[in-house]
Amino acid sequence: MRACGLVRRDGRLLLQRKRHEAIWALPGGRVEPGETPEAALLREFQEELGWQVSIAARLWQIENVFTHHGEDVRQTEICFAVSCDAQLTVKDETLEFRWISPVELHTLDVRPEEVRRRLAGS
């Protein structure tokens, strides 16, 4: 299970990717055993960006099936609307973050594809 946050600022969306990969996603990460998706999201934003965020609403839950490094993966992704006024400072140097306009969604490899469709329609 993965918890992710949709952060909007000045008409742009925040995306993340691992520095060595081309795939972009909403910021967040894996839900650890015994952890709620909400707690995981708060922890991930703190670990990766140093942000204390507020969860405004649960937006959607999707099942994502994909191949990663030659292995088939099935993942549940839960997305929340997140608010934060902090400046972008990356604490996890293995990640890259980027503010993008909705138009740029079509120029980046955003996954899962269902998330791209939902973001493009919002």
PDB file of N, CA and C in Angstrom:
ATOM      1  N   MET A   1       0.849  -1.179   0.000  1.00  0.00           N
ATOM      2  CA  MET A   1       0.000   0.000   0.000  1.00  0.00           C
ATOM      3  C   MET A   1       0.891   1.237   0.000  1.00  0.00           C
ATOM      4  N   ARG A   2       0.486   2.236  -0.760  1.00  0.00           N
ATOM      5  CA  ARG A   2       1.213   3.502  -0.850  1.00  0.00           C
ATOM      6  C   ARG A   2       0.256   4.644  -0.563  1.00  0.00           C
ATOM      7  N   ALA A   3       0.671   5.585   0.280  1.00  0.00           N
ATOM      8  CA  ALA A   3      -0.095   6.793   0.562  1.00  0.00           C
ATOM      9  C   ALA A   3       0.578   7.954  -0.148  1.00  0.00           C
ATOM     10  N   CYS A   4      -0.206   8.767  -0.842  1.00  0.00           N
ATOM     11  CA  CYS A   4       0.377   9.906  -1.554  1.00  0.00           C
ATOM     12  C   CYS A   4      -0.473  11.143  -1.329  1.00  0.00           C
ATOM     13  N   GLY A   5       0.159  12.298  -1.555  1.00  0.00           N
ATOM     14  CA  GLY A   5      -0.518  13.561  -1.312  1.00  0.00           C
ATOM     15  C   GLY A   5      -0.540  14.446  -2.540  1.00  0.00           C
ATOM     16  N   LEU A   6      -1.694  15.010  -2.808  1.00  0.00           N
ATOM     17  CA  LEU A   6      -1.858  15.971  -3.890  1.00  0.00           C
ATOM     18  C   LEU A   6      -1.702  17.363  -3.296  1.00  0.00           C
ATOM     19  N   VAL A   7      -0.599  18.028  -3.648  1.00  0.00           N
ATOM     20  CA  VAL A   7      -0.301  19.369  -3.157  1.00  0.00           C
ATOM     21  C   VAL A   7      -0.397  20.327  -4.338  1.00  0.00           C
ATOM     22  N   ARG A   8      -1.226  21.338  -4.213  1.00  0.00           N
ATOM     23  CA  ARG A   8      -1.379  22.356  -5.258  1.00  0.00           C
ATOM     24  C   ARG A   8      -0.896  23.699  -4.717  1.00  0.00           C
ATOM     25  N   ARG A   9      -0.187  24.420  -5.583  1.00  0.00           N
ATOM     26  CA  ARG A   9       0.265  25.759  -5.206  1.00  0.00           C
ATOM     27  C   ARG A   9       0.386  26.599  -6.467  1.00  0.00           C
ATOM     28  N   ASP A  10      -0.262  27.736  -6.472  1.00  0.00           N
ATOM     29  CA  ASP A  10      -0.200  28.661  -7.610  1.00  0.00           C
ATOM     30  C   ASP A  10      -0.532  27.966  -8.929  1.00  0.00           C
ATOM     31  N   GLY A  11      -1.536  27.091  -8.909  1.00  0.00           N
ATOM     32  CA  GLY A  11      -1.967  26.404 -10.123  1.00  0.00           C
ATOM     33  C   GLY A  11      -1.075  25.261 -10.559  1.00  0.00           C
ATOM     34  N   ARG A  12      -0.089  24.916  -9.738  1.00  0.00           N
ATOM     35  CA  ARG A  12       0.823  23.821 -10.088  1.00  0.00           C
ATOM     36  C   ARG A  12       0.689  22.677  -9.089  1.00  0.00           C
ATOM     37  N   LEU A  13       1.156  21.499  -9.510  1.00  0.00           N
ATOM     38  CA  LEU A  13       1.106  20.274  -8.704  1.00  0.00           C
ATOM     39  C   LEU A  13       2.525  19.851  -8.357  1.00  0.00           C
ATOM     40  N   LEU A  14       2.702  19.257  -7.189  1.00  0.00           N
ATOM     41  CA  LEU A  14       4.009  18.759  -6.783  1.00  0.00           C
ATOM     42  C   LEU A  14       4.134  17.283  -7.136  1.00  0.00           C
ATOM     43  N   LEU A  15       5.210  16.941  -7.861  1.00  0.00           N
ATOM     44  CA  LEU A  15       5.505  15.550  -8.203  1.00  0.00           C
ATOM     45  C   LEU A  15       6.879  15.187  -7.686  1.00  0.00           C
ATOM     46  N   GLN A  16       7.120  13.879  -7.561  1.00  0.00           N
ATOM     47  CA  GLN A  16       8.427  13.386  -7.138  1.00  0.00           C
ATOM     48  C   GLN A  16       8.843  12.218  -8.019  1.00  0.00           C
ATOM     49  N   ARG A  17      10.152  11.976  -8.045  1.00  0.00           N
ATOM     50  CA  ARG A  17      10.687  10.783  -8.689  1.00  0.00           C
ATOM     51  C   ARG A  17      12.006  10.431  -8.026  1.00  0.00           C
ATOM     52  N   LYS A  18      12.374   9.165  -8.152  1.00  0.00           N
ATOM     53  CA  LYS A  18      13.709   8.765  -7.728  1.00  0.00           C
ATOM     54  C   LYS A  18      14.670   9.302  -8.769  1.00  0.00           C
ATOM     55  N   ARG A  19      15.795   9.825  -8.339  1.00  0.00           N
ATOM     56  CA  ARG A  19      16.742  10.486  -9.242  1.00  0.00           C
ATOM     57  C   ARG A  19      17.200   9.608 -10.398  1.00  0.00           C
ATOM     58  N   HIS A  20      17.255   8.315 -10.216  1.00  0.00           N
ATOM     59  CA  HIS A  20      17.748   7.417 -11.269  1.00  0.00           C
ATOM     60  C   HIS A  20      16.630   6.843 -12.140  1.00  0.00           C
ATOM     61  N   GLU A  21      15.395   7.313 -11.946  1.00  0.00           N
ATOM     62  CA  GLU A  21      14.264   6.794 -12.724  1.00  0.00           C
ATOM     63  C   GLU A  21      13.556   7.928 -13.461  1.00  0.00           C
ATOM     64  N   ALA A  22      12.830   7.587 -14.520  1.00  0.00           N
ATOM     65  CA  ALA A  22      12.115   8.577 -15.335  1.00  0.00           C
ATOM     66  C   ALA A  22      10.684   8.779 -14.872  1.00  0.00           C
ATOM     67  N   ILE A  23      10.172   7.896 -14.042  1.00  0.00           N
ATOM     68  CA  ILE A  23       8.757   7.907 -13.651  1.00  0.00           C
ATOM     69  C   ILE A  23       8.513   8.912 -12.528  1.00  0.00           C
ATOM     70  N   TRP A  24       7.507   9.773 -12.737  1.00  0.00           N
ATOM     71  CA  TRP A  24       7.075  10.753 -11.742  1.00  0.00           C
ATOM     72  C   TRP A  24       5.812  10.257 -11.054  1.00  0.00           C
ATOM     73  N   ALA A  25       5.611  10.654  -9.803  1.00  0.00           N
ATOM     74  CA  ALA A  25       4.427  10.262  -9.029  1.00  0.00           C
ATOM     75  C   ALA A  25       4.103  11.370  -8.045  1.00  0.00           C
ATOM     76  N   LEU A  26       2.931  11.276  -7.448  1.00  0.00           N
ATOM     77  CA  LEU A  26       2.604  12.187  -6.358  1.00  0.00           C
ATOM     78  C   LEU A  26       3.493  11.848  -5.167  1.00  0.00           C
ATOM     79  N   PRO A  27       3.907  12.838  -4.375  1.00  0.00           N
ATOM     80  CA  PRO A  27       4.763  12.574  -3.218  1.00  0.00           C
ATOM     81  C   PRO A  27       4.085  11.651  -2.213  1.00  0.00           C
ATOM     82  N   GLY A  28       4.870  10.804  -1.603  1.00  0.00           N
ATOM     83  CA  GLY A  28       4.363   9.877  -0.600  1.00  0.00           C
ATOM     84  C   GLY A  28       5.245   8.657  -0.537  1.00  0.00           C
ATOM     85  N   GLY A  29       4.690   7.573  -0.020  1.00  0.00           N
ATOM     86  CA  GLY A  29       5.478   6.361   0.090  1.00  0.00           C
ATOM     87  C   GLY A  29       4.701   5.217   0.705  1.00  0.00           C
ATOM     88  N   ARG A  30       5.428   4.161   0.968  1.00  0.00           N
ATOM     89  CA  ARG A  30       4.859   2.910   1.459  1.00  0.00           C
ATOM     90  C   ARG A  30       4.296   3.053   2.872  1.00  0.00           C
ATOM     91  N   VAL A  31       3.147   2.430   3.074  1.00  0.00           N
ATOM     92  CA  VAL A  31       2.536   2.348   4.403  1.00  0.00           C
ATOM     93  C   VAL A  31       3.191   1.177   5.125  1.00  0.00           C
ATOM     94  N   GLU A  32       3.792   1.455   6.267  1.00  0.00           N
ATOM     95  CA  GLU A  32       4.492   0.426   7.042  1.00  0.00           C
ATOM     96  C   GLU A  32       3.482  -0.415   7.830  1.00  0.00           C
ATOM     97  N   PRO A  33       3.851  -1.655   8.193  1.00  0.00           N
ATOM     98  CA  PRO A  33       2.954  -2.500   8.990  1.00  0.00           C
ATOM     99  C   PRO A  33       2.515  -1.790  10.275  1.00  0.00           C
ATOM    100  N   GLY A  34       1.209  -1.830  10.558  1.00  0.00           N
ATOM    101  CA  GLY A  34       0.655  -1.207  11.750  1.00  0.00           C
ATOM    102  C   GLY A  34       0.420   0.287  11.624  1.00  0.00           C
ATOM    103  N   GLU A  35       0.708   0.856  10.481  1.00  0.00           N
ATOM    104  CA  GLU A  35       0.579   2.291  10.264  1.00  0.00           C
ATOM    105  C   GLU A  35      -0.675   2.576   9.428  1.00  0.00           C
ATOM    106  N   THR A  36      -1.383   3.648   9.727  1.00  0.00           N
ATOM    107  CA  THR A  36      -2.511   4.039   8.888  1.00  0.00           C
ATOM    108  C   THR A  36      -1.975   4.774   7.656  1.00  0.00           C
ATOM    109  N   PRO A  37      -2.743   4.812   6.574  1.00  0.00           N
ATOM    110  CA  PRO A  37      -2.297   5.578   5.410  1.00  0.00           C
ATOM    111  C   PRO A  37      -2.062   7.056   5.749  1.00  0.00           C
ATOM    112  N   GLU A  38      -2.897   7.625   6.598  1.00  0.00           N
ATOM    113  CA  GLU A  38      -2.729   9.018   6.994  1.00  0.00           C
ATOM    114  C   GLU A  38      -1.410   9.226   7.740  1.00  0.00           C
ATOM    115  N   ALA A  39      -1.093   8.344   8.678  1.00  0.00           N
ATOM    116  CA  ALA A  39       0.160   8.454   9.428  1.00  0.00           C
ATOM    117  C   ALA A  39       1.354   8.273   8.498  1.00  0.00           C
ATOM    118  N   ALA A  40       1.242   7.352   7.551  1.00  0.00           N
ATOM    119  CA  ALA A  40       2.330   7.124   6.588  1.00  0.00           C
ATOM    120  C   ALA A  40       2.575   8.377   5.756  1.00  0.00           C
ATOM    121  N   LEU A  41       1.504   9.015   5.322  1.00  0.00           N
ATOM    122  CA  LEU A  41       1.642  10.218   4.506  1.00  0.00           C
ATOM    123  C   LEU A  41       2.327  11.332   5.289  1.00  0.00           C
ATOM    124  N   LEU A  42       1.904  11.551   6.523  1.00  0.00           N
ATOM    125  CA  LEU A  42       2.535  12.579   7.358  1.00  0.00           C
ATOM    126  C   LEU A  42       4.014  12.275   7.564  1.00  0.00           C
ATOM    127  N   ARG A  43       4.342  11.005   7.830  1.00  0.00           N
ATOM    128  CA  ARG A  43       5.733  10.599   8.033  1.00  0.00           C
ATOM    129  C   ARG A  43       6.561  10.816   6.766  1.00  0.00           C
ATOM    130  N   GLU A  44       6.029  10.401   5.622  1.00  0.00           N
ATOM    131  CA  GLU A  44       6.769  10.525   4.365  1.00  0.00           C
ATOM    132  C   GLU A  44       7.073  11.987   4.026  1.00  0.00           C
ATOM    133  N   PHE A  45       6.098  12.872   4.190  1.00  0.00           N
ATOM    134  CA  PHE A  45       6.345  14.288   3.913  1.00  0.00           C
ATOM    135  C   PHE A  45       7.403  14.846   4.870  1.00  0.00           C
ATOM    136  N   GLN A  46       7.379  14.416   6.122  1.00  0.00           N
ATOM    137  CA  GLN A  46       8.378  14.876   7.086  1.00  0.00           C
ATOM    138  C   GLN A  46       9.765  14.343   6.723  1.00  0.00           C
ATOM    139  N   GLU A  47       9.862  13.062   6.413  1.00  0.00           N
ATOM    140  CA  GLU A  47      11.158  12.450   6.089  1.00  0.00           C
ATOM    141  C   GLU A  47      11.756  12.994   4.794  1.00  0.00           C
ATOM    142  N   GLU A  48      10.924  13.168   3.778  1.00  0.00           N
ATOM    143  CA  GLU A  48      11.440  13.520   2.464  1.00  0.00           C
ATOM    144  C   GLU A  48      11.597  15.023   2.240  1.00  0.00           C
ATOM    145  N   LEU A  49      10.715  15.819   2.848  1.00  0.00           N
ATOM    146  CA  LEU A  49      10.736  17.266   2.615  1.00  0.00           C
ATOM    147  C   LEU A  49      10.897  18.097   3.882  1.00  0.00           C
ATOM    148  N   GLY A  50      10.742  17.462   5.044  1.00  0.00           N
ATOM    149  CA  GLY A  50      10.788  18.212   6.291  1.00  0.00           C
ATOM    150  C   GLY A  50       9.526  19.026   6.527  1.00  0.00           C
ATOM    151  N   TRP A  51       8.441  18.658   5.849  1.00  0.00           N
ATOM    152  CA  TRP A  51       7.184  19.402   5.930  1.00  0.00           C
ATOM    153  C   TRP A  51       6.248  18.804   6.960  1.00  0.00           C
ATOM    154  N   GLN A  52       5.596  19.677   7.728  1.00  0.00           N
ATOM    155  CA  GLN A  52       4.447  19.310   8.546  1.00  0.00           C
ATOM    156  C   GLN A  52       3.238  19.660   7.689  1.00  0.00           C
ATOM    157  N   VAL A  53       2.514  18.673   7.231  1.00  0.00           N
ATOM    158  CA  VAL A  53       1.384  18.929   6.335  1.00  0.00           C
ATOM    159  C   VAL A  53       0.060  18.661   7.035  1.00  0.00           C
ATOM    160  N   SER A  54      -0.989  19.205   6.447  1.00  0.00           N
ATOM    161  CA  SER A  54      -2.349  18.945   6.906  1.00  0.00           C
ATOM    162  C   SER A  54      -3.070  18.165   5.821  1.00  0.00           C
ATOM    163  N   ILE A  55      -3.771  17.121   6.235  1.00  0.00           N
ATOM    164  CA  ILE A  55      -4.564  16.332   5.296  1.00  0.00           C
ATOM    165  C   ILE A  55      -5.954  16.938   5.254  1.00  0.00           C
ATOM    166  N   ALA A  56      -6.358  17.402   4.066  1.00  0.00           N
ATOM    167  CA  ALA A  56      -7.656  18.049   3.916  1.00  0.00           C
ATOM    168  C   ALA A  56      -8.766  17.040   3.637  1.00  0.00           C
ATOM    169  N   ALA A  57      -8.480  16.025   2.820  1.00  0.00           N
ATOM    170  CA  ALA A  57      -9.515  15.059   2.441  1.00  0.00           C
ATOM    171  C   ALA A  57      -8.876  13.837   1.800  1.00  0.00           C
ATOM    172  N   ARG A  58      -9.571  12.725   1.905  1.00  0.00           N
ATOM    173  CA  ARG A  58      -9.176  11.528   1.166  1.00  0.00           C
ATOM    174  C   ARG A  58      -9.808  11.635  -0.218  1.00  0.00           C
ATOM    175  N   LEU A  59      -9.000  11.574  -1.271  1.00  0.00           N
ATOM    176  CA  LEU A  59      -9.492  11.798  -2.626  1.00  0.00           C
ATOM    177  C   LEU A  59      -9.893  10.519  -3.348  1.00  0.00           C
ATOM    178  N   TRP A  60      -8.996   9.525  -3.370  1.00  0.00           N
ATOM    179  CA  TRP A  60      -9.299   8.290  -4.084  1.00  0.00           C
ATOM    180  C   TRP A  60      -8.390   7.160  -3.640  1.00  0.00           C
ATOM    181  N   GLN A  61      -8.804   5.966  -3.994  1.00  0.00           N
ATOM    182  CA  GLN A  61      -8.008   4.752  -3.783  1.00  0.00           C
ATOM    183  C   GLN A  61      -8.058   3.986  -5.098  1.00  0.00           C
ATOM    184  N   ILE A  62      -6.883   3.621  -5.614  1.00  0.00           N
ATOM    185  CA  ILE A  62      -6.835   2.880  -6.875  1.00  0.00           C
ATOM    186  C   ILE A  62      -5.930   1.669  -6.722  1.00  0.00           C
ATOM    187  N   GLU A  63      -6.204   0.666  -7.524  1.00  0.00           N
ATOM    188  CA  GLU A  63      -5.335  -0.504  -7.607  1.00  0.00           C
ATOM    189  C   GLU A  63      -4.401  -0.283  -8.789  1.00  0.00           C
ATOM    190  N   ASN A  64      -3.132  -0.443  -8.565  1.00  0.00           N
ATOM    191  CA  ASN A  64      -2.120  -0.203  -9.584  1.00  0.00           C
ATOM    192  C   ASN A  64      -1.356  -1.498  -9.821  1.00  0.00           C
ATOM    193  N   VAL A  65      -1.333  -1.966 -11.061  1.00  0.00           N
ATOM    194  CA  VAL A  65      -0.586  -3.170 -11.422  1.00  0.00           C
ATOM    195  C   VAL A  65       0.445  -2.760 -12.455  1.00  0.00           C
ATOM    196  N   PHE A  66       1.727  -3.078 -12.180  1.00  0.00           N
ATOM    197  CA  PHE A  66       2.792  -2.668 -13.088  1.00  0.00           C
ATOM    198  C   PHE A  66       3.984  -3.600 -12.944  1.00  0.00           C
ATOM    199  N   THR A  67       4.929  -3.466 -13.857  1.00  0.00           N
ATOM    200  CA  THR A  67       6.181  -4.222 -13.802  1.00  0.00           C
ATOM    201  C   THR A  67       7.282  -3.254 -13.409  1.00  0.00           C
ATOM    202  N   HIS A  68       8.067  -3.635 -12.402  1.00  0.00           N
ATOM    203  CA  HIS A  68       9.166  -2.797 -11.923  1.00  0.00           C
ATOM    204  C   HIS A  68      10.409  -3.654 -11.806  1.00  0.00           C
ATOM    205  N   HIS A  69      11.436  -3.291 -12.552  1.00  0.00           N
ATOM    206  CA  HIS A  69      12.689  -4.058 -12.571  1.00  0.00           C
ATOM    207  C   HIS A  69      12.434  -5.536 -12.844  1.00  0.00           C
ATOM    208  N   GLY A  70      11.530  -5.791 -13.797  1.00  0.00           N
ATOM    209  CA  GLY A  70      11.256  -7.154 -14.230  1.00  0.00           C
ATOM    210  C   GLY A  70      10.294  -7.942 -13.363  1.00  0.00           C
ATOM    211  N   GLU A  71       9.772  -7.334 -12.305  1.00  0.00           N
ATOM    212  CA  GLU A  71       8.848  -8.035 -11.420  1.00  0.00           C
ATOM    213  C   GLU A  71       7.456  -7.402 -11.498  1.00  0.00           C
ATOM    214  N   ASP A  72       6.428  -8.255 -11.499  1.00  0.00           N
ATOM    215  CA  ASP A  72       5.054  -7.762 -11.473  1.00  0.00           C
ATOM    216  C   ASP A  72       4.717  -7.286 -10.063  1.00  0.00           C
ATOM    217  N   VAL A  73       4.113  -6.097  -9.989  1.00  0.00           N
ATOM    218  CA  VAL A  73       3.774  -5.483  -8.701  1.00  0.00           C
ATOM    219  C   VAL A  73       2.295  -5.109  -8.714  1.00  0.00           C
ATOM    220  N   ARG A  74       1.622  -5.395  -7.609  1.00  0.00           N
ATOM    221  CA  ARG A  74       0.230  -4.957  -7.404  1.00  0.00           C
ATOM    222  C   ARG A  74       0.253  -4.071  -6.160  1.00  0.00           C
ATOM    223  N   GLN A  75      -0.236  -2.861  -6.321  1.00  0.00           N
ATOM    224  CA  GLN A  75      -0.153  -1.884  -5.243  1.00  0.00           C
ATOM    225  C   GLN A  75      -1.457  -1.109  -5.116  1.00  0.00           C
ATOM    226  N   THR A  76      -1.915  -0.918  -3.896  1.00  0.00           N
ATOM    227  CA  THR A  76      -3.048  -0.046  -3.628  1.00  0.00           C
ATOM    228  C   THR A  76      -2.484   1.336  -3.334  1.00  0.00           C
ATOM    229  N   GLU A  77      -3.006   2.355  -4.012  1.00  0.00           N
ATOM    230  CA  GLU A  77      -2.538   3.718  -3.813  1.00  0.00           C
ATOM    231  C   GLU A  77      -3.701   4.558  -3.293  1.00  0.00           C
ATOM    232  N   ILE A  78      -3.487   5.184  -2.137  1.00  0.00           N
ATOM    233  CA  ILE A  78      -4.503   6.030  -1.519  1.00  0.00           C
ATOM    234  C   ILE A  78      -3.992   7.465  -1.594  1.00  0.00           C
ATOM    235  N   CYS A  79      -4.798   8.334  -2.178  1.00  0.00           N
ATOM    236  CA  CYS A  79      -4.392   9.724  -2.372  1.00  0.00           C
ATOM    237  C   CYS A  79      -5.215  10.653  -1.488  1.00  0.00           C
ATOM    238  N   PHE A  80      -4.514  11.610  -0.889  1.00  0.00           N
ATOM    239  CA  PHE A  80      -5.130  12.609  -0.023  1.00  0.00           C
ATOM    240  C   PHE A  80      -4.822  14.007  -0.561  1.00  0.00           C
ATOM    241  N   ALA A  81      -5.742  14.928  -0.364  1.00  0.00           N
ATOM    242  CA  ALA A  81      -5.466  16.341  -0.609  1.00  0.00           C
ATOM    243  C   ALA A  81      -4.666  16.842   0.583  1.00  0.00           C
ATOM    244  N   VAL A  82      -3.557  17.516   0.313  1.00  0.00           N
ATOM    245  CA  VAL A  82      -2.627  17.940   1.355  1.00  0.00           C
ATOM    246  C   VAL A  82      -2.376  19.440   1.225  1.00  0.00           C
ATOM    247  N   SER A  83      -2.261  20.113   2.352  1.00  0.00           N
ATOM    248  CA  SER A  83      -1.906  21.533   2.317  1.00  0.00           C
ATOM    249  C   SER A  83      -0.681  21.781   3.189  1.00  0.00           C
ATOM    250  N   CYS A  84       0.145  22.709   2.700  1.00  0.00           N
ATOM    251  CA  CYS A  84       1.359  23.092   3.408  1.00  0.00           C
ATOM    252  C   CYS A  84       1.886  24.378   2.785  1.00  0.00           C
ATOM    253  N   ASP A  85       2.377  25.280   3.601  1.00  0.00           N
ATOM    254  CA  ASP A  85       2.911  26.545   3.094  1.00  0.00           C
ATOM    255  C   ASP A  85       4.436  26.563   3.055  1.00  0.00           C
ATOM    256  N   ALA A  86       5.080  25.467   3.380  1.00  0.00           N
ATOM    257  CA  ALA A  86       6.542  25.427   3.444  1.00  0.00           C
ATOM    258  C   ALA A  86       7.165  25.542   2.052  1.00  0.00           C
ATOM    259  N   GLN A  87       8.401  25.997   2.035  1.00  0.00           N
ATOM    260  CA  GLN A  87       9.164  26.069   0.793  1.00  0.00           C
ATOM    261  C   GLN A  87       9.734  24.693   0.475  1.00  0.00           C
ATOM    262  N   LEU A  88       9.979  24.462  -0.797  1.00  0.00           N
ATOM    263  CA  LEU A  88      10.482  23.165  -1.245  1.00  0.00           C
ATOM    264  C   LEU A  88      11.951  23.012  -0.888  1.00  0.00           C
ATOM    265  N   THR A  89      12.226  22.152   0.096  1.00  0.00           N
ATOM    266  CA  THR A  89      13.582  21.794   0.471  1.00  0.00           C
ATOM    267  C   THR A  89      13.615  20.284   0.619  1.00  0.00           C
ATOM    268  N   VAL A  90      14.443  19.637  -0.148  1.00  0.00           N
ATOM    269  CA  VAL A  90      14.479  18.175  -0.176  1.00  0.00           C
ATOM    270  C   VAL A  90      15.432  17.657   0.892  1.00  0.00           C
ATOM    271  N   LYS A  91      14.921  16.775   1.763  1.00  0.00           N
ATOM    272  CA  LYS A  91      15.754  16.142   2.790  1.00  0.00           C
ATOM    273  C   LYS A  91      16.311  14.803   2.317  1.00  0.00           C
ATOM    274  N   ASP A  92      15.595  14.140   1.413  1.00  0.00           N
ATOM    275  CA  ASP A  92      16.010  12.836   0.898  1.00  0.00           C
ATOM    276  C   ASP A  92      16.677  13.062  -0.455  1.00  0.00           C
ATOM    277  N   GLU A  93      17.988  12.970  -0.490  1.00  0.00           N
ATOM    278  CA  GLU A  93      18.754  13.281  -1.702  1.00  0.00           C
ATOM    279  C   GLU A  93      18.582  12.251  -2.815  1.00  0.00           C
ATOM    280  N   THR A  94      17.910  11.129  -2.536  1.00  0.00           N
ATOM    281  CA  THR A  94      17.658  10.139  -3.592  1.00  0.00           C
ATOM    282  C   THR A  94      16.440  10.520  -4.425  1.00  0.00           C
ATOM    283  N   LEU A  95      15.727  11.574  -3.995  1.00  0.00           N
ATOM    284  CA  LEU A  95      14.500  11.991  -4.668  1.00  0.00           C
ATOM    285  C   LEU A  95      14.659  13.368  -5.304  1.00  0.00           C
ATOM    286  N   GLU A  96      13.885  13.572  -6.353  1.00  0.00           N
ATOM    287  CA  GLU A  96      13.787  14.868  -7.001  1.00  0.00           C
ATOM    288  C   GLU A  96      12.322  15.294  -6.957  1.00  0.00           C
ATOM    289  N   PHE A  97      12.073  16.552  -6.634  1.00  0.00           N
ATOM    290  CA  PHE A  97      10.713  17.091  -6.583  1.00  0.00           C
ATOM    291  C   PHE A  97      10.603  18.216  -7.596  1.00  0.00           C
ATOM    292  N   ARG A  98       9.384  18.378  -8.137  1.00  0.00           N
ATOM    293  CA  ARG A  98       9.189  19.398  -9.161  1.00  0.00           C
ATOM    294  C   ARG A  98       7.738  19.889  -9.149  1.00  0.00           C
ATOM    295  N   TRP A  99       7.573  21.202  -9.199  1.00  0.00           N
ATOM    296  CA  TRP A  99       6.255  21.802  -9.369  1.00  0.00           C
ATOM    297  C   TRP A  99       5.962  21.832 -10.860  1.00  0.00           C
ATOM    298  N   ILE A 100       4.808  21.311 -11.259  1.00  0.00           N
ATOM    299  CA  ILE A 100       4.467  21.299 -12.679  1.00  0.00           C
ATOM    300  C   ILE A 100       3.087  21.918 -12.902  1.00  0.00           C
ATOM    301  N   SER A 101       2.916  22.465 -14.086  1.00  0.00           N
ATOM    302  CA  SER A 101       1.598  22.967 -14.478  1.00  0.00           C
ATOM    303  C   SER A 101       0.796  21.789 -15.022  1.00  0.00           C
ATOM    304  N   PRO A 102      -0.525  21.882 -15.023  1.00  0.00           N
ATOM    305  CA  PRO A 102      -1.343  20.795 -15.585  1.00  0.00           C
ATOM    306  C   PRO A 102      -0.968  20.464 -17.029  1.00  0.00           C
ATOM    307  N   VAL A 103      -0.537  21.447 -17.803  1.00  0.00           N
ATOM    308  CA  VAL A 103      -0.133  21.214 -19.196  1.00  0.00           C
ATOM    309  C   VAL A 103       1.079  20.272 -19.252  1.00  0.00           C
ATOM    310  N   GLU A 104       1.992  20.387 -18.297  1.00  0.00           N
ATOM    311  CA  GLU A 104       3.200  19.557 -18.279  1.00  0.00           C
ATOM    312  C   GLU A 104       2.918  18.087 -17.975  1.00  0.00           C
ATOM    313  N   LEU A 105       1.738  17.777 -17.447  1.00  0.00           N
ATOM    314  CA  LEU A 105       1.389  16.382 -17.159  1.00  0.00           C
ATOM    315  C   LEU A 105       1.583  15.507 -18.387  1.00  0.00           C
ATOM    316  N   HIS A 106       1.328  16.064 -19.557  1.00  0.00           N
ATOM    317  CA  HIS A 106       1.402  15.286 -20.794  1.00  0.00           C
ATOM    318  C   HIS A 106       2.833  15.141 -21.304  1.00  0.00           C
ATOM    319  N   THR A 107       3.786  15.860 -20.699  1.00  0.00           N
ATOM    320  CA  THR A 107       5.178  15.775 -21.141  1.00  0.00           C
ATOM    321  C   THR A 107       6.024  14.888 -20.236  1.00  0.00           C
ATOM    322  N   LEU A 108       5.455  14.458 -19.109  1.00  0.00           N
ATOM    323  CA  LEU A 108       6.186  13.630 -18.151  1.00  0.00           C
ATOM    324  C   LEU A 108       5.552  12.252 -18.051  1.00  0.00           C
ATOM    325  N   ASP A 109       6.357  11.272 -17.667  1.00  0.00           N
ATOM    326  CA  ASP A 109       5.868   9.910 -17.450  1.00  0.00           C
ATOM    327  C   ASP A 109       5.346   9.821 -16.015  1.00  0.00           C
ATOM    328  N   VAL A 110       4.075  10.199 -15.826  1.00  0.00           N
ATOM    329  CA  VAL A 110       3.442  10.209 -14.503  1.00  0.00           C
ATOM    330  C   VAL A 110       2.722   8.887 -14.316  1.00  0.00           C
ATOM    331  N   ARG A 111       2.983   8.227 -13.194  1.00  0.00           N
ATOM    332  CA  ARG A 111       2.352   6.947 -12.890  1.00  0.00           C
ATOM    333  C   ARG A 111       1.723   7.002 -11.519  1.00  0.00           C
ATOM    334  N   PRO A 112       0.757   6.156 -11.262  1.00  0.00           N
ATOM    335  CA  PRO A 112       0.072   5.312 -12.222  1.00  0.00           C
ATOM    336  C   PRO A 112      -0.716   6.140 -13.238  1.00  0.00           C
ATOM    337  N   GLU A 113      -1.004   5.545 -14.356  1.00  0.00           N
ATOM    338  CA  GLU A 113      -1.710   6.227 -15.440  1.00  0.00           C
ATOM    339  C   GLU A 113      -3.062   6.767 -14.966  1.00  0.00           C
ATOM    340  N   GLU A 114      -3.731   6.039 -14.090  1.00  0.00           N
ATOM    341  CA  GLU A 114      -5.016   6.505 -13.567  1.00  0.00           C
ATOM    342  C   GLU A 114      -4.853   7.820 -12.805  1.00  0.00           C
ATOM    343  N   VAL A 115      -3.735   7.982 -12.105  1.00  0.00           N
ATOM    344  CA  VAL A 115      -3.477   9.233 -11.397  1.00  0.00           C
ATOM    345  C   VAL A 115      -3.293  10.354 -12.408  1.00  0.00           C
ATOM    346  N   ARG A 116      -2.550  10.104 -13.477  1.00  0.00           N
ATOM    347  CA  ARG A 116      -2.367  11.108 -14.521  1.00  0.00           C
ATOM    348  C   ARG A 116      -3.728  11.559 -15.071  1.00  0.00           C
ATOM    349  N   ARG A 117      -4.602  10.585 -15.360  1.00  0.00           N
ATOM    350  CA  ARG A 117      -5.933  10.920 -15.895  1.00  0.00           C
ATOM    351  C   ARG A 117      -6.720  11.771 -14.906  1.00  0.00           C
ATOM    352  N   ARG A 118      -6.673  11.409 -13.647  1.00  0.00           N
ATOM    353  CA  ARG A 118      -7.425  12.172 -12.642  1.00  0.00           C
ATOM    354  C   ARG A 118      -6.854  13.578 -12.471  1.00  0.00           C
ATOM    355  N   LEU A 119      -5.540  13.714 -12.493  1.00  0.00           N
ATOM    356  CA  LEU A 119      -4.923  15.025 -12.364  1.00  0.00           C
ATOM    357  C   LEU A 119      -5.227  15.897 -13.581  1.00  0.00           C
ATOM    358  N   ALA A 120      -5.214  15.311 -14.755  1.00  0.00           N
ATOM    359  CA  ALA A 120      -5.487  16.065 -15.980  1.00  0.00           C
ATOM    360  C   ALA A 120      -6.930  16.542 -16.009  1.00  0.00           C
ATOM    361  N   GLY A 121      -7.832  15.795 -15.373  1.00  0.00           N
ATOM    362  CA  GLY A 121      -9.238  16.153 -15.362  1.00  0.00           C
ATOM    363  C   GLY A 121      -9.618  17.105 -14.248  1.00  0.00           C
ATOM    364  N   SER A 122      -8.674  17.363 -13.333  1.00  0.00           N
ATOM    365  CA  SER A 122      -9.018  18.227 -12.176  1.00  0.00           C
ATOM    366  C   SER A 122      -8.664  19.672 -12.404  1.00  0.00           C
TER     367      SER A 122
END
